[in-house]
C-alpha atoms as a PDB file:
ATOM      1  CA  MET A   1       0.000   0.000   0.000  1.00  0.00           C
ATOM      2  CA  LYS A   2       1.363   3.438  -0.911  1.00  0.00           C
ATOM      3  CA  ARG A   3       2.162   5.718   2.031  1.00  0.00           C
ATOM      4  CA  MET A   4       0.096   8.836   2.559  1.00  0.00           C
ATOM      5  CA  THR A   5       2.658  10.422   4.850  1.00  0.00           C
ATOM      6  CA  LYS A   6       6.327  11.188   4.826  1.00  0.00           C
ATOM      7  CA  ARG A   7       8.629  12.457   7.538  1.00  0.00           C
ATOM      8  CA  ASP A   8      10.424  15.787   7.260  1.00  0.00           C
ATOM      9  CA  GLU A   9      14.014  16.506   8.321  1.00  0.00           C
ATOM     10  CA  ASP A  10      12.866  16.890  11.951  1.00  0.00           C
ATOM     11  CA  GLY A  11      11.090  13.506  11.905  1.00  0.00           C
ATOM     12  CA  ARG A  12       7.608  15.049  11.955  1.00  0.00           C
ATOM     13  CA  ALA A  13       4.942  13.391   9.876  1.00  0.00           C
ATOM     14  CA  ARG A  14       3.536  15.259   6.904  1.00  0.00           C
ATOM     15  CA  LEU A  15       0.459  14.233   4.967  1.00  0.00           C
ATOM     16  CA  THR A  16       1.088  14.232   1.232  1.00  0.00           C
ATOM     17  CA  LYS A  17      -1.456  14.379  -1.557  1.00  0.00           C
ATOM     18  CA  PHE A  18      -0.217  13.768  -5.052  1.00  0.00           C
ATOM     19  CA  GLY A  19       3.311  14.487  -3.868  1.00  0.00           C
ATOM     20  CA  MET A  20       2.463  17.890  -2.348  1.00  0.00           C
ATOM     21  CA  GLN A  21       2.332  18.899   1.314  1.00  0.00           C
ATOM     22  CA  MET A  22      -1.039  20.076   2.624  1.00  0.00           C
ATOM     23  CA  TYR A  23      -1.373  23.384   4.485  1.00  0.00           C
ATOM     24  CA  CYS A  24      -4.115  24.798   6.739  1.00  0.00           C
ATOM     25  CA  SER A  25      -5.414  28.358   7.032  1.00  0.00           C
ATOM     26  CA  THR A  26      -6.052  28.354  10.824  1.00  0.00           C
ATOM     27  CA  GLN A  27      -3.937  27.210  13.768  1.00  0.00           C
ATOM     28  CA  ALA A  28      -6.734  24.997  15.120  1.00  0.00           C
ATOM     29  CA  THR A  29      -7.018  23.217  11.795  1.00  0.00           C
ATOM     30  CA  ALA A  30      -3.221  22.910  11.593  1.00  0.00           C
ATOM     31  CA  ASP A  31      -3.077  21.358  15.085  1.00  0.00           C
ATOM     32  CA  CYS A  32      -5.806  18.888  14.189  1.00  0.00           C
ATOM     33  CA  LEU A  33      -4.041  17.998  10.933  1.00  0.00           C
ATOM     34  CA  ALA A  34      -0.726  17.517  12.787  1.00  0.00           C
ATOM     35  CA  LYS A  35      -2.371  14.993  15.142  1.00  0.00           C
ATOM     36  CA  LEU A  36      -3.948  13.212  12.181  1.00  0.00           C
ATOM     37  CA  GLU A  37      -0.606  13.106  10.368  1.00  0.00           C
ATOM     38  CA  ASP A  38       1.190  11.697  13.423  1.00  0.00           C
ATOM     39  CA  ARG A  39      -1.377   8.959  13.967  1.00  0.00           C
ATOM     40  CA  LEU A  40      -1.487   7.953  10.297  1.00  0.00           C
ATOM     41  CA  ALA A  41       2.318   7.972  10.047  1.00  0.00           C
ATOM     42  CA  ALA A  42       2.588   5.805  13.188  1.00  0.00           C
ATOM     43  CA  TYR A  43       0.245   3.284  11.562  1.00  0.00           C
ATOM     44  CA  GLU A  44       2.135   3.403   8.267  1.00  0.00           C
ATOM     45  CA  ASP A  45       5.447   2.965  10.119  1.00  0.00           C
ATOM     46  CA  THR A  46       4.266  -0.464  11.338  1.00  0.00           C
ATOM     47  CA  GLY A  47       4.266  -1.741   7.772  1.00  0.00           C
ATOM     48  CA  LEU A  48       1.008  -3.580   8.453  1.00  0.00           C
ATOM     49  CA  THR A  49      -1.922  -3.617   6.047  1.00  0.00           C
ATOM     50  CA  PRO A  50      -5.482  -2.951   7.270  1.00  0.00           C
ATOM     51  CA  GLY A  51      -6.175  -6.691   7.015  1.00  0.00           C
ATOM     52  CA  GLN A  52      -3.177  -7.519   9.193  1.00  0.00           C
ATOM     53  CA  VAL A  53      -4.305  -4.985  11.788  1.00  0.00           C
ATOM     54  CA  SER A  54      -7.781  -6.566  11.820  1.00  0.00           C
ATOM     55  CA  VAL A  55      -6.262  -9.982  12.464  1.00  0.00           C
ATOM     56  CA  LEU A  56      -4.212  -8.571  15.348  1.00  0.00           C
ATOM     57  CA  GLN A  57      -7.331  -7.008  16.885  1.00  0.00           C
ATOM     58  CA  THR A  58      -9.280 -10.280  16.791  1.00  0.00           C
ATOM     59  CA  HIS A  59      -6.366 -12.396  18.020  1.00  0.00           C
ATOM     60  CA  PRO A  60      -6.434 -13.079  21.777  1.00  0.00           C
ATOM     61  CA  ASP A  61      -2.885 -11.797  22.112  1.00  0.00           C
ATOM     62  CA  HIS A  62      -3.449  -8.496  20.291  1.00  0.00           C
ATOM     63  CA  ALA A  63      -2.151  -6.668  23.371  1.00  0.00           C
ATOM     64  CA  TYR A  64       1.282  -8.025  22.476  1.00  0.00           C
ATOM     65  CA  ALA A  65       1.296  -6.504  18.994  1.00  0.00           C
ATOM     66  CA  ASP A  66       3.901  -3.862  19.877  1.00  0.00           C
ATOM     67  CA  TYR A  67       6.066  -6.479  21.559  1.00  0.00           C
ATOM     68  CA  VAL A  68       5.832  -8.800  18.561  1.00  0.00           C
ATOM     69  CA  ARG A  69       6.612  -5.974  16.153  1.00  0.00           C
ATOM     70  CA  THR A  70       9.691  -5.008  18.197  1.00  0.00           C
ATOM     71  CA  LEU A  71      10.791  -8.636  18.471  1.00  0.00           C
ATOM     72  CA  TRP A  72      10.301  -9.106  14.727  1.00  0.00           C
ATOM     73  CA  HIS A  73      12.469  -6.057  14.056  1.00  0.00           C
ATOM     74  CA  ASP A  74      15.153  -7.130  16.557  1.00  0.00           C
ATOM     75  CA  ILE A  75      15.403 -10.691  15.276  1.00  0.00           C
ATOM     76  CA  GLY A  76      15.794  -9.559  11.676  1.00  0.00           C
ATOM     77  CA  GLY A  77      12.572 -10.589   9.955  1.00  0.00           C
ATOM     78  CA  MET A  78      11.208 -13.826   8.549  1.00  0.00           C
ATOM     79  CA  GLU A  79      14.431 -15.314   7.138  1.00  0.00           C
ATOM     80  CA  ARG A  80      16.247 -14.890  10.449  1.00  0.00           C
ATOM     81  CA  MET A  81      13.293 -16.226  12.426  1.00  0.00           C
ATOM     82  CA  GLU A  82      13.135 -19.311  10.197  1.00  0.00           C
ATOM     83  CA  ALA A  83      16.878 -19.885  10.651  1.00  0.00           C
ATOM     84  CA  VAL A  84      16.593 -19.636  14.445  1.00  0.00           C
ATOM     85  CA  ALA A  85      13.553 -21.957  14.505  1.00  0.00           C
ATOM     86  CA  LYS A  86      15.382 -24.498  12.311  1.00  0.00           C
ATOM     87  CA  ALA A  87      18.463 -24.384  14.550  1.00  0.00           C
ATOM     88  CA  GLU A  88      16.215 -24.951  17.582  1.00  0.00           C
ATOM     89  CA  ARG A  89      14.510 -27.954  15.941  1.00  0.00           C
ATOM     90  CA  GLU A  90      17.874 -29.443  14.992  1.00  0.00           C
ATOM     91  CA  GLY A  91      19.315 -28.987  18.489  1.00  0.00           C
ATOM     92  CA  ARG A  92      21.871 -26.414  17.318  1.00  0.00           C
ATOM     93  CA  LEU A  93      20.535 -23.397  19.196  1.00  0.00           C
ATOM     94  CA  VAL A  94      22.318 -22.546  22.440  1.00  0.00           C
ATOM     95  CA  VAL A  95      21.332 -19.521  24.520  1.00  0.00           C
ATOM     96  CA  LEU A  96      24.338 -18.490  26.555  1.00  0.00           C
ATOM     97  CA  PRO A  97      23.832 -17.343  30.142  1.00  0.00           C
ATOM     98  CA  CYS A  98      26.833 -15.031  29.913  1.00  0.00           C
ATOM     99  CA  ARG A  99      29.310 -13.544  27.481  1.00  0.00           C
ATOM    100  CA  VAL A 100      33.028 -12.905  27.367  1.00  0.00           C
ATOM    101  CA  GLY A 101      33.809 -10.080  29.784  1.00  0.00           C
ATOM    102  CA  ASP A 102      31.054 -10.938  32.298  1.00  0.00           C
ATOM    103  CA  MET A 103      31.955 -11.742  35.902  1.00  0.00           C
ATOM    104  CA  LEU A 104      31.191 -15.223  37.236  1.00  0.00           C
ATOM    105  CA  TYR A 105      30.919 -16.350  40.837  1.00  0.00           C
ATOM    106  CA  VAL A 106      31.500 -20.082  41.277  1.00  0.00           C
ATOM    107  CA  ILE A 107      30.948 -22.174  44.399  1.00  0.00           C
ATOM    108  CA  ILE A 108      33.676 -24.780  44.878  1.00  0.00           C
ATOM    109  CA  ASP A 109      34.127 -26.706  48.131  1.00  0.00           C
ATOM    110  CA  GLY A 110      32.060 -24.206  50.099  1.00  0.00           C
ATOM    111  CA  LYS A 111      33.927 -21.122  48.853  1.00  0.00           C
ATOM    112  CA  ILE A 112      32.994 -18.501  46.276  1.00  0.00           C
ATOM    113  CA  TYR A 113      35.539 -17.853  43.543  1.00  0.00           C
ATOM    114  CA  GLU A 114      35.145 -15.055  41.059  1.00  0.00           C
ATOM    115  CA  GLY A 115      36.596 -14.286  37.682  1.00  0.00           C
ATOM    116  CA  GLU A 116      35.970 -12.561  34.389  1.00  0.00           C
ATOM    117  CA  VAL A 117      34.868 -14.832  31.543  1.00  0.00           C
ATOM    118  CA  TYR A 118      37.534 -14.932  28.874  1.00  0.00           C
ATOM    119  CA  HIS A 119      36.550 -18.056  26.972  1.00  0.00           C
ATOM    120  CA  ILE A 120      33.326 -19.842  26.063  1.00  0.00           C
ATOM    121  CA  SER A 121      33.502 -23.178  24.306  1.00  0.00           C
ATOM    122  CA  TYR A 122      31.040 -25.655  22.874  1.00  0.00           C
ATOM    123  CA  SER A 123      31.387 -29.401  22.825  1.00  0.00           C
ATOM    124  CA  ASP A 124      29.421 -32.569  22.250  1.00  0.00           C
ATOM    125  CA  TYR A 125      29.612 -33.936  25.772  1.00  0.00           C
ATOM    126  CA  TYR A 126      27.903 -37.321  26.171  1.00  0.00           C
ATOM    127  CA  GLY A 127      25.822 -36.685  23.055  1.00  0.00           C
ATOM    128  CA  LYS A 128      24.614 -33.302  24.269  1.00  0.00           C
ATOM    129  CA  VAL A 129      25.832 -29.919  23.114  1.00  0.00           C
ATOM    130  CA  THR A 130      27.092 -27.947  26.082  1.00  0.00           C
ATOM    131  CA  ALA A 131      28.622 -24.534  26.525  1.00  0.00           C
ATOM    132  CA  THR A 132      31.342 -23.931  29.080  1.00  0.00           C
ATOM    133  CA  ALA A 133      32.465 -20.533  30.341  1.00  0.00           C
ATOM    134  CA  TRP A 134      35.913 -20.183  31.885  1.00  0.00           C
ATOM    135  CA  THR A 135      37.729 -17.414  33.700  1.00  0.00           C
ATOM    136  CA  LYS A 136      41.485 -16.832  33.673  1.00  0.00           C
ATOM    137  CA  SER A 137      41.642 -18.079  37.263  1.00  0.00           C
ATOM    138  CA  GLY A 138      40.377 -21.440  36.007  1.00  0.00           C
ATOM    139  CA  VAL A 139      36.889 -21.358  37.467  1.00  0.00           C
ATOM    140  CA  GLY A 140      33.776 -21.753  35.401  1.00  0.00           C
ATOM    141  CA  GLY A 141      31.085 -24.177  34.588  1.00  0.00           C
ATOM    142  CA  ASN A 142      28.791 -25.787  32.083  1.00  0.00           C
ATOM    143  CA  LEU A 143      25.534 -24.303  30.920  1.00  0.00           C
ATOM    144  CA  GLU A 144      23.559 -26.535  33.277  1.00  0.00           C
ATOM    145  CA  ASP A 145      25.668 -25.350  36.279  1.00  0.00           C
ATOM    146  CA  PHE A 146      24.345 -21.779  36.026  1.00  0.00           C
ATOM    147  CA  GLY A 147      21.980 -21.068  38.865  1.00  0.00           C
ATOM    148  CA  LYS A 148      23.307 -24.053  40.836  1.00  0.00           C
ATOM    149  CA  THR A 149      27.033 -23.539  41.392  1.00  0.00           C
ATOM    150  CA  VAL A 150      27.796 -20.800  38.842  1.00  0.00           C
ATOM    151  CA  PHE A 151      26.254 -17.343  39.204  1.00  0.00           C
ATOM    152  CA  GLN A 152      26.442 -13.947  37.564  1.00  0.00           C
ATOM    153  CA  THR A 153      26.306 -11.941  40.796  1.00  0.00           C
ATOM    154  CA  ARG A 154      27.994 -12.355  44.151  1.00  0.00           C
ATOM    155  CA  GLU A 155      24.602 -11.910  45.839  1.00  0.00           C
ATOM    156  CA  GLU A 156      23.191 -14.941  43.986  1.00  0.00           C
ATOM    157  CA  ALA A 157      26.234 -17.021  44.914  1.00  0.00           C
ATOM    158  CA  GLU A 158      26.028 -15.966  48.573  1.00  0.00           C
ATOM    159  CA  ALA A 159      22.302 -16.773  48.703  1.00  0.00           C
ATOM    160  CA  ALA A 160      23.015 -20.237  47.247  1.00  0.00           C
ATOM    161  CA  MET A 161      25.795 -20.781  49.789  1.00  0.00           C
ATOM    162  CA  GLU A 162      23.472 -19.803  52.629  1.00  0.00           C
ATOM    163  CA  ALA A 163      20.781 -22.146  51.294  1.00  0.00           C
ATOM    164  CA  LEU A 164      23.358 -24.972  51.226  1.00  0.00           C
ATOM    165  CA  HIS A 165      24.336 -24.293  54.843  1.00  0.00           C
ATOM    166  CA  ASN A 166      20.685 -24.234  55.943  1.00  0.00           C
ATOM    167  CA  THR A 167      19.897 -27.672  54.490  1.00  0.00           C
END
């Protein structure tokens, strides 16, 4: 569908008719037109057709439309979403709990050790893909250790230690 608005250098929406900007003779009319232009431009910016908007309104999760639109934009569109879904189905998708440069707090023998992650590796360990994060001090853990003996904050590690002592 052809847009009816365009944005000027300041990012304000302008209604166009046959390629020309529309002007108003009174301030009240200009204010009303500005609101109309902003609302129409916001709709056009979604890239959705009227039919797609109708489907969203009748869908039980229509309240999540803005979230879905943002997610769609962040993930990179349909091709990227299909690639991620395929990787998930094939067991190739790993969501890392940390990244290089993050601090880790690891419980070993009743003590908390900390270190900055410098290396993350993947391996096929017992037929299961695992990710391991290591610090230069040699502490770290597997993906499944996070939240048990490996934590991203000292507070989480201390709370886990206290829970261990109380059991």
